Amino acid sequence: MTSWGDAGSAGPLFVAAIGLLGLILSPLAELLIAKLLPRVGPLPGLRARITTAAITAALCAAFAFRFGVDPELPAFLLLAVLGVQLARIDVSLHLLPNPLVLALLLGGLLFLLGATFGGEQWSSLVRALAGTAILFVTYLILALISPAGLGMGDVKLAAPVGLYLGYLGWSQLLYGGLLGFILNGLVTVLVVARNRKERTSEVAHGPSMIGAVLGVGLLML
């Protein structure tokens, strides 16, 4: 697994090409979502499409620099593309579509399995599966204790989030899981402070979970 310190093998042209790939994949993902998931609604507005494309491109380029040409890069590009789309949908509709969550889970697992056959350690894949179960069960328990605070969509999203965090390491799983709650708390305080009529239960938790796994994946070695 490549760290920031030895990511020099990922040259600027490679990083730029992967960023351009993210710029292309973002609108394609939105077209497919609008076509295959009518519940989500039509395509978002132009400003939203430009914003999600820019964020996706930046994340893909950052992951290209972070991992270089390592075989696990495709899994994290999938995380960037689908993660941004899930965050966008959850913010606008308070919805985490099951097909998208499942695609992130199964696609990530398939790519990480391919990375394992490509030379990465099997222990990382086993840890990823353990992380999937641990975070899913943790969120399920919390949702049963406090259903007003967490929805079942958040519980389901915990599975792919745990997959990626577990793959990165036990510390990443711990800190990434906690970071999701910290980010959500900060966002909730800001939203409620700006609009006192907004209830804390109406603040989407999914974007904070996705932001945590993306941040940990990029910054925590």
C-alpha atoms as a PDB file:
ATOM      1  CA  MET A   1       0.000   0.000   0.000  1.00  0.00           C
ATOM      2  CA  THR A   2       1.447   3.306  -1.117  1.00  0.00           C
ATOM      3  CA  SER A   3       1.866   6.170   1.366  1.00  0.00           C
ATOM      4  CA  TRP A   4       2.108   9.881   0.687  1.00  0.00           C
ATOM      5  CA  GLY A   5       5.827   9.667   1.293  1.00  0.00           C
ATOM      6  CA  ASP A   6       6.551   7.183  -1.484  1.00  0.00           C
ATOM      7  CA  ALA A   7       3.778   8.106  -3.909  1.00  0.00           C
ATOM      8  CA  GLY A   8       6.297   9.680  -6.264  1.00  0.00           C
ATOM      9  CA  SER A   9       5.759   6.762  -8.654  1.00  0.00           C
ATOM     10  CA  ALA A  10       2.404   8.357  -9.460  1.00  0.00           C
ATOM     11  CA  GLY A  11       3.577  11.015 -11.897  1.00  0.00           C
ATOM     12  CA  PRO A  12       1.634  14.214 -12.568  1.00  0.00           C
ATOM     13  CA  LEU A  13       0.305  12.920 -15.886  1.00  0.00           C
ATOM     14  CA  PHE A  14      -1.062   9.783 -14.214  1.00  0.00           C
ATOM     15  CA  VAL A  15      -2.683  11.819 -11.447  1.00  0.00           C
ATOM     16  CA  ALA A  16      -4.163  14.256 -13.981  1.00  0.00           C
ATOM     17  CA  ALA A  17      -5.485  11.396 -16.114  1.00  0.00           C
ATOM     18  CA  ILE A  18      -7.203   9.790 -13.137  1.00  0.00           C
ATOM     19  CA  GLY A  19      -8.650  13.162 -12.154  1.00  0.00           C
ATOM     20  CA  LEU A  20     -10.023  13.537 -15.689  1.00  0.00           C
ATOM     21  CA  LEU A  21     -11.470  10.038 -15.398  1.00  0.00           C
ATOM     22  CA  GLY A  22     -13.304  11.124 -12.252  1.00  0.00           C
ATOM     23  CA  LEU A  23     -14.591  14.196 -14.088  1.00  0.00           C
ATOM     24  CA  ILE A  24     -16.076  11.895 -16.743  1.00  0.00           C
ATOM     25  CA  LEU A  25     -17.411   9.218 -14.409  1.00  0.00           C
ATOM     26  CA  SER A  26     -19.357  11.656 -12.225  1.00  0.00           C
ATOM     27  CA  PRO A  27     -21.915  12.759 -14.859  1.00  0.00           C
ATOM     28  CA  LEU A  28     -22.119   9.199 -16.186  1.00  0.00           C
ATOM     29  CA  ALA A  29     -22.991   7.990 -12.689  1.00  0.00           C
ATOM     30  CA  GLU A  30     -25.665  10.700 -12.407  1.00  0.00           C
ATOM     31  CA  LEU A  31     -27.179   9.673 -15.744  1.00  0.00           C
ATOM     32  CA  LEU A  32     -27.336   6.024 -14.697  1.00  0.00           C
ATOM     33  CA  ILE A  33     -28.813   6.900 -11.297  1.00  0.00           C
ATOM     34  CA  ALA A  34     -31.505   9.088 -12.891  1.00  0.00           C
ATOM     35  CA  LYS A  35     -32.344   6.337 -15.389  1.00  0.00           C
ATOM     36  CA  LEU A  36     -32.234   3.295 -13.123  1.00  0.00           C
ATOM     37  CA  LEU A  37     -33.413   4.812  -9.839  1.00  0.00           C
ATOM     38  CA  PRO A  38     -36.528   6.896 -10.580  1.00  0.00           C
ATOM     39  CA  ARG A  39     -37.136   7.267  -6.842  1.00  0.00           C
ATOM     40  CA  VAL A  40     -34.092   9.535  -6.698  1.00  0.00           C
ATOM     41  CA  GLY A  41     -35.638  11.818  -9.289  1.00  0.00           C
ATOM     42  CA  PRO A  42     -34.263  13.478 -12.427  1.00  0.00           C
ATOM     43  CA  LEU A  43     -30.771  14.812 -12.930  1.00  0.00           C
ATOM     44  CA  PRO A  44     -29.727  17.455 -10.399  1.00  0.00           C
ATOM     45  CA  GLY A  45     -29.298  21.060 -11.462  1.00  0.00           C
ATOM     46  CA  LEU A  46     -26.285  22.221 -13.433  1.00  0.00           C
ATOM     47  CA  ARG A  47     -24.587  23.780 -10.401  1.00  0.00           C
ATOM     48  CA  ALA A  48     -24.918  20.538  -8.441  1.00  0.00           C
ATOM     49  CA  ARG A  49     -23.579  18.486 -11.362  1.00  0.00           C
ATOM     50  CA  ILE A  50     -20.568  20.761 -11.753  1.00  0.00           C
ATOM     51  CA  THR A  51     -19.883  20.657  -8.009  1.00  0.00           C
ATOM     52  CA  THR A  52     -20.094  16.869  -7.737  1.00  0.00           C
ATOM     53  CA  ALA A  53     -17.946  16.438 -10.850  1.00  0.00           C
ATOM     54  CA  ALA A  54     -15.276  18.774  -9.468  1.00  0.00           C
ATOM     55  CA  ILE A  55     -15.257  17.052  -6.074  1.00  0.00           C
ATOM     56  CA  THR A  56     -15.125  13.602  -7.676  1.00  0.00           C
ATOM     57  CA  ALA A  57     -12.260  14.622  -9.957  1.00  0.00           C
ATOM     58  CA  ALA A  58     -10.291  16.070  -7.039  1.00  0.00           C
ATOM     59  CA  LEU A  59     -10.822  12.937  -4.948  1.00  0.00           C
ATOM     60  CA  CYS A  60      -9.859  10.610  -7.786  1.00  0.00           C
ATOM     61  CA  ALA A  61      -6.680  12.598  -8.415  1.00  0.00           C
ATOM     62  CA  ALA A  62      -5.860  12.566  -4.696  1.00  0.00           C
ATOM     63  CA  PHE A  63      -6.357   8.792  -4.513  1.00  0.00           C
ATOM     64  CA  ALA A  64      -4.174   8.371  -7.617  1.00  0.00           C
ATOM     65  CA  PHE A  65      -1.413  10.277  -5.857  1.00  0.00           C
ATOM     66  CA  ARG A  66      -2.033   8.421  -2.592  1.00  0.00           C
ATOM     67  CA  PHE A  67      -1.958   4.888  -4.037  1.00  0.00           C
ATOM     68  CA  GLY A  68      -0.099   5.342  -7.306  1.00  0.00           C
ATOM     69  CA  VAL A  69      -0.515   2.372  -9.622  1.00  0.00           C
ATOM     70  CA  ASP A  70      -1.190  -0.044  -6.754  1.00  0.00           C
ATOM     71  CA  PRO A  71      -3.939  -2.601  -7.503  1.00  0.00           C
ATOM     72  CA  GLU A  72      -6.254  -1.252  -4.796  1.00  0.00           C
ATOM     73  CA  LEU A  73      -6.644   2.103  -6.588  1.00  0.00           C
ATOM     74  CA  PRO A  74      -9.789   1.056  -8.564  1.00  0.00           C
ATOM     75  CA  ALA A  75     -11.594   0.247  -5.303  1.00  0.00           C
ATOM     76  CA  PHE A  76     -10.948   3.734  -3.967  1.00  0.00           C
ATOM     77  CA  LEU A  77     -11.915   5.377  -7.252  1.00  0.00           C
ATOM     78  CA  LEU A  78     -15.238   3.577  -6.914  1.00  0.00           C
ATOM     79  CA  LEU A  79     -15.491   4.945  -3.380  1.00  0.00           C
ATOM     80  CA  ALA A  80     -14.894   8.477  -4.668  1.00  0.00           C
ATOM     81  CA  VAL A  81     -17.475   8.249  -7.469  1.00  0.00           C
ATOM     82  CA  LEU A  82     -20.283   6.503  -5.586  1.00  0.00           C
ATOM     83  CA  GLY A  83     -19.481   8.160  -2.267  1.00  0.00           C
ATOM     84  CA  VAL A  84     -19.970  11.642  -3.687  1.00  0.00           C
ATOM     85  CA  GLN A  85     -23.230  10.581  -5.342  1.00  0.00           C
ATOM     86  CA  LEU A  86     -24.544   9.043  -2.122  1.00  0.00           C
ATOM     87  CA  ALA A  87     -23.651  12.174  -0.172  1.00  0.00           C
ATOM     88  CA  ARG A  88     -25.386  14.371  -2.767  1.00  0.00           C
ATOM     89  CA  ILE A  89     -28.566  12.300  -2.663  1.00  0.00           C
ATOM     90  CA  ASP A  90     -28.631  12.088   1.121  1.00  0.00           C
ATOM     91  CA  VAL A  91     -28.221  15.847   1.507  1.00  0.00           C
ATOM     92  CA  SER A  92     -31.011  16.644  -0.949  1.00  0.00           C
ATOM     93  CA  LEU A  93     -33.457  13.802  -0.266  1.00  0.00           C
ATOM     94  CA  HIS A  94     -32.406  12.285   3.090  1.00  0.00           C
ATOM     95  CA  LEU A  95     -32.168   8.998   1.225  1.00  0.00           C
ATOM     96  CA  LEU A  96     -29.419   6.424   0.768  1.00  0.00           C
ATOM     97  CA  PRO A  97     -30.645   4.203  -2.096  1.00  0.00           C
ATOM     98  CA  ASN A  98     -30.107   0.514  -1.397  1.00  0.00           C
ATOM     99  CA  PRO A  99     -28.837  -0.273  -4.939  1.00  0.00           C
ATOM    100  CA  LEU A 100     -26.100   2.376  -4.649  1.00  0.00           C
ATOM    101  CA  VAL A 101     -25.054   1.250  -1.177  1.00  0.00           C
ATOM    102  CA  LEU A 102     -24.998  -2.367  -2.360  1.00  0.00           C
ATOM    103  CA  ALA A 103     -23.015  -1.405  -5.474  1.00  0.00           C
ATOM    104  CA  LEU A 104     -20.416   0.313  -3.296  1.00  0.00           C
ATOM    105  CA  LEU A 105     -20.204  -2.699  -0.986  1.00  0.00           C
ATOM    106  CA  LEU A 106     -20.035  -5.427  -3.636  1.00  0.00           C
ATOM    107  CA  GLY A 107     -17.978  -3.373  -6.085  1.00  0.00           C
ATOM    108  CA  GLY A 108     -15.507  -2.413  -3.378  1.00  0.00           C
ATOM    109  CA  LEU A 109     -15.252  -6.020  -2.221  1.00  0.00           C
ATOM    110  CA  LEU A 110     -14.684  -7.231  -5.777  1.00  0.00           C
ATOM    111  CA  PHE A 111     -11.980  -4.652  -6.459  1.00  0.00           C
ATOM    112  CA  LEU A 112     -10.253  -5.325  -3.138  1.00  0.00           C
ATOM    113  CA  LEU A 113     -10.379  -9.057  -3.867  1.00  0.00           C
ATOM    114  CA  GLY A 114      -8.760  -8.315  -7.211  1.00  0.00           C
ATOM    115  CA  ALA A 115      -6.095  -6.246  -5.446  1.00  0.00           C
ATOM    116  CA  THR A 116      -5.404  -9.197  -3.166  1.00  0.00           C
ATOM    117  CA  PHE A 117      -4.866 -11.486  -6.155  1.00  0.00           C
ATOM    118  CA  GLY A 118      -2.712  -8.692  -7.585  1.00  0.00           C
ATOM    119  CA  GLY A 119      -0.249  -8.959  -4.719  1.00  0.00           C
ATOM    120  CA  GLU A 120      -1.778  -7.198  -1.724  1.00  0.00           C
ATOM    121  CA  GLN A 121      -1.883  -9.020   1.611  1.00  0.00           C
ATOM    122  CA  TRP A 122      -4.765 -11.392   2.328  1.00  0.00           C
ATOM    123  CA  SER A 123      -4.812 -10.130   5.909  1.00  0.00           C
ATOM    124  CA  SER A 124      -6.015  -6.749   4.628  1.00  0.00           C
ATOM    125  CA  LEU A 125      -9.006  -8.374   2.928  1.00  0.00           C
ATOM    126  CA  VAL A 126      -9.855 -10.400   6.030  1.00  0.00           C
ATOM    127  CA  ARG A 127      -9.622  -7.224   8.120  1.00  0.00           C
ATOM    128  CA  ALA A 128     -11.899  -5.476   5.599  1.00  0.00           C
ATOM    129  CA  LEU A 129     -14.550  -8.174   6.009  1.00  0.00           C
ATOM    130  CA  ALA A 130     -14.250  -7.909   9.772  1.00  0.00           C
ATOM    131  CA  GLY A 131     -14.573  -4.122   9.541  1.00  0.00           C
ATOM    132  CA  THR A 132     -17.742  -4.537   7.469  1.00  0.00           C
ATOM    133  CA  ALA A 133     -19.351  -6.690  10.160  1.00  0.00           C
ATOM    134  CA  ILE A 134     -18.102  -4.602  13.096  1.00  0.00           C
ATOM    135  CA  LEU A 135     -19.294  -1.233  11.825  1.00  0.00           C
ATOM    136  CA  PHE A 136     -22.600  -2.619  10.544  1.00  0.00           C
ATOM    137  CA  VAL A 137     -23.418  -4.255  13.884  1.00  0.00           C
ATOM    138  CA  THR A 138     -22.314  -1.142  15.788  1.00  0.00           C
ATOM    139  CA  TYR A 139     -24.596   1.100  13.748  1.00  0.00           C
ATOM    140  CA  LEU A 140     -27.451  -1.391  13.989  1.00  0.00           C
ATOM    141  CA  ILE A 141     -27.221  -1.418  17.789  1.00  0.00           C
ATOM    142  CA  LEU A 142     -27.071   2.387  17.924  1.00  0.00           C
ATOM    143  CA  ALA A 143     -30.054   2.671  15.574  1.00  0.00           C
ATOM    144  CA  LEU A 144     -32.088   0.300  17.737  1.00  0.00           C
ATOM    145  CA  ILE A 145     -31.172   2.265  20.855  1.00  0.00           C
ATOM    146  CA  SER A 146     -31.818   5.670  19.271  1.00  0.00           C
ATOM    147  CA  PRO A 147     -33.923   5.329  16.102  1.00  0.00           C
ATOM    148  CA  ALA A 148     -34.380   9.102  15.949  1.00  0.00           C
ATOM    149  CA  GLY A 149     -30.645   9.604  15.590  1.00  0.00           C
ATOM    150  CA  LEU A 150     -29.793   7.006  12.942  1.00  0.00           C
ATOM    151  CA  GLY A 151     -31.822   5.570  10.096  1.00  0.00           C
ATOM    152  CA  MET A 152     -31.584   2.146   8.519  1.00  0.00           C
ATOM    153  CA  GLY A 153     -29.967   3.745   5.501  1.00  0.00           C
ATOM    154  CA  ASP A 154     -27.089   4.808   7.729  1.00  0.00           C
ATOM    155  CA  VAL A 155     -26.889   1.276   9.127  1.00  0.00           C
ATOM    156  CA  LYS A 156     -26.626  -0.195   5.627  1.00  0.00           C
ATOM    157  CA  LEU A 157     -24.043   2.404   4.577  1.00  0.00           C
ATOM    158  CA  ALA A 158     -21.928   1.369   7.581  1.00  0.00           C
ATOM    159  CA  ALA A 159     -21.157  -1.924   5.799  1.00  0.00           C
ATOM    160  CA  PRO A 160     -19.183  -0.476   2.833  1.00  0.00           C
ATOM    161  CA  VAL A 161     -17.688   2.225   5.074  1.00  0.00           C
ATOM    162  CA  GLY A 162     -16.455  -0.506   7.418  1.00  0.00           C
ATOM    163  CA  LEU A 163     -15.131  -2.469   4.434  1.00  0.00           C
ATOM    164  CA  TYR A 164     -12.850   0.353   3.328  1.00  0.00           C
ATOM    165  CA  LEU A 165     -11.811   1.449   6.808  1.00  0.00           C
ATOM    166  CA  GLY A 166     -11.088  -2.139   7.824  1.00  0.00           C
ATOM    167  CA  TYR A 167      -8.989  -2.665   4.707  1.00  0.00           C
ATOM    168  CA  LEU A 168      -6.857   0.330   5.607  1.00  0.00           C
ATOM    169  CA  GLY A 169      -6.218  -0.886   9.181  1.00  0.00           C
ATOM    170  CA  TRP A 170      -7.649  -1.369  12.662  1.00  0.00           C
ATOM    171  CA  SER A 171      -6.706   2.156  13.725  1.00  0.00           C
ATOM    172  CA  GLN A 172      -8.353   3.562  10.613  1.00  0.00           C
ATOM    173  CA  LEU A 173     -11.504   1.587  11.410  1.00  0.00           C
ATOM    174  CA  LEU A 174     -11.615   2.985  14.945  1.00  0.00           C
ATOM    175  CA  TYR A 175     -10.790   6.587  14.113  1.00  0.00           C
ATOM    176  CA  GLY A 176     -12.844   6.617  10.922  1.00  0.00           C
ATOM    177  CA  GLY A 177     -15.891   5.288  12.743  1.00  0.00           C
ATOM    178  CA  LEU A 178     -15.547   7.931  15.441  1.00  0.00           C
ATOM    179  CA  LEU A 179     -14.819  10.680  12.925  1.00  0.00           C
ATOM    180  CA  GLY A 180     -18.151  10.070  11.213  1.00  0.00           C
ATOM    181  CA  PHE A 181     -20.006  10.873  14.437  1.00  0.00           C
ATOM    182  CA  ILE A 182     -17.792  13.883  15.160  1.00  0.00           C
ATOM    183  CA  LEU A 183     -18.358  15.350  11.708  1.00  0.00           C
ATOM    184  CA  ASN A 184     -22.083  14.751  11.954  1.00  0.00           C
ATOM    185  CA  GLY A 185     -22.155  16.480  15.349  1.00  0.00           C
ATOM    186  CA  LEU A 186     -20.355  19.526  13.966  1.00  0.00           C
ATOM    187  CA  VAL A 187     -22.633  19.693  10.923  1.00  0.00           C
ATOM    188  CA  THR A 188     -25.709  19.343  13.136  1.00  0.00           C
ATOM    189  CA  VAL A 189     -24.599  22.208  15.385  1.00  0.00           C
ATOM    190  CA  LEU A 190     -23.964  24.447  12.378  1.00  0.00           C
ATOM    191  CA  VAL A 191     -27.262  23.598  10.689  1.00  0.00           C
ATOM    192  CA  VAL A 192     -29.354  24.034  13.839  1.00  0.00           C
ATOM    193  CA  ALA A 193     -27.542  27.279  14.674  1.00  0.00           C
ATOM    194  CA  ARG A 194     -28.386  28.697  11.228  1.00  0.00           C
ATOM    195  CA  ASN A 195     -31.964  27.428  11.226  1.00  0.00           C
ATOM    196  CA  ARG A 196     -33.382  26.876  14.679  1.00  0.00           C
ATOM    197  CA  LYS A 197     -36.474  25.232  13.200  1.00  0.00           C
ATOM    198  CA  GLU A 198     -34.330  22.398  11.858  1.00  0.00           C
ATOM    199  CA  ARG A 199     -34.393  19.278  14.010  1.00  0.00           C
ATOM    200  CA  THR A 200     -31.206  17.335  14.646  1.00  0.00           C
ATOM    201  CA  SER A 201     -32.880  14.188  13.310  1.00  0.00           C
ATOM    202  CA  GLU A 202     -33.308  15.929   9.933  1.00  0.00           C
ATOM    203  CA  VAL A 203     -29.563  16.342   9.397  1.00  0.00           C
ATOM    204  CA  ALA A 204     -28.276  13.680   6.998  1.00  0.00           C
ATOM    205  CA  HIS A 205     -25.684  11.439   8.645  1.00  0.00           C
ATOM    206  CA  GLY A 206     -24.513   9.681   5.464  1.00  0.00           C
ATOM    207  CA  PRO A 207     -22.310  12.527   4.146  1.00  0.00           C
ATOM    208  CA  SER A 208     -20.375  12.578   7.423  1.00  0.00           C
ATOM    209  CA  MET A 209     -19.763   8.824   7.217  1.00  0.00           C
ATOM    210  CA  ILE A 210     -18.585   9.154   3.625  1.00  0.00           C
ATOM    211  CA  GLY A 211     -16.454  12.192   4.456  1.00  0.00           C
ATOM    212  CA  ALA A 212     -14.819  10.249   7.265  1.00  0.00           C
ATOM    213  CA  VAL A 213     -13.847   7.251   5.137  1.00  0.00           C
ATOM    214  CA  LEU A 214     -12.627   9.495   2.312  1.00  0.00           C
ATOM    215  CA  GLY A 215     -10.574  11.600   4.722  1.00  0.00           C
ATOM    216  CA  VAL A 216      -9.071   8.609   6.459  1.00  0.00           C
ATOM    217  CA  GLY A 217      -8.376   6.912   3.139  1.00  0.00           C
ATOM    218  CA  LEU A 218      -6.467   9.950   1.919  1.00  0.00           C
ATOM    219  CA  LEU A 219      -4.733  11.228   5.039  1.00  0.00           C
ATOM    220  CA  MET A 220      -4.242   8.429   7.544  1.00  0.00           C
ATOM    221  CA  LEU A 221      -1.381   6.085   6.711  1.00  0.00           C
END
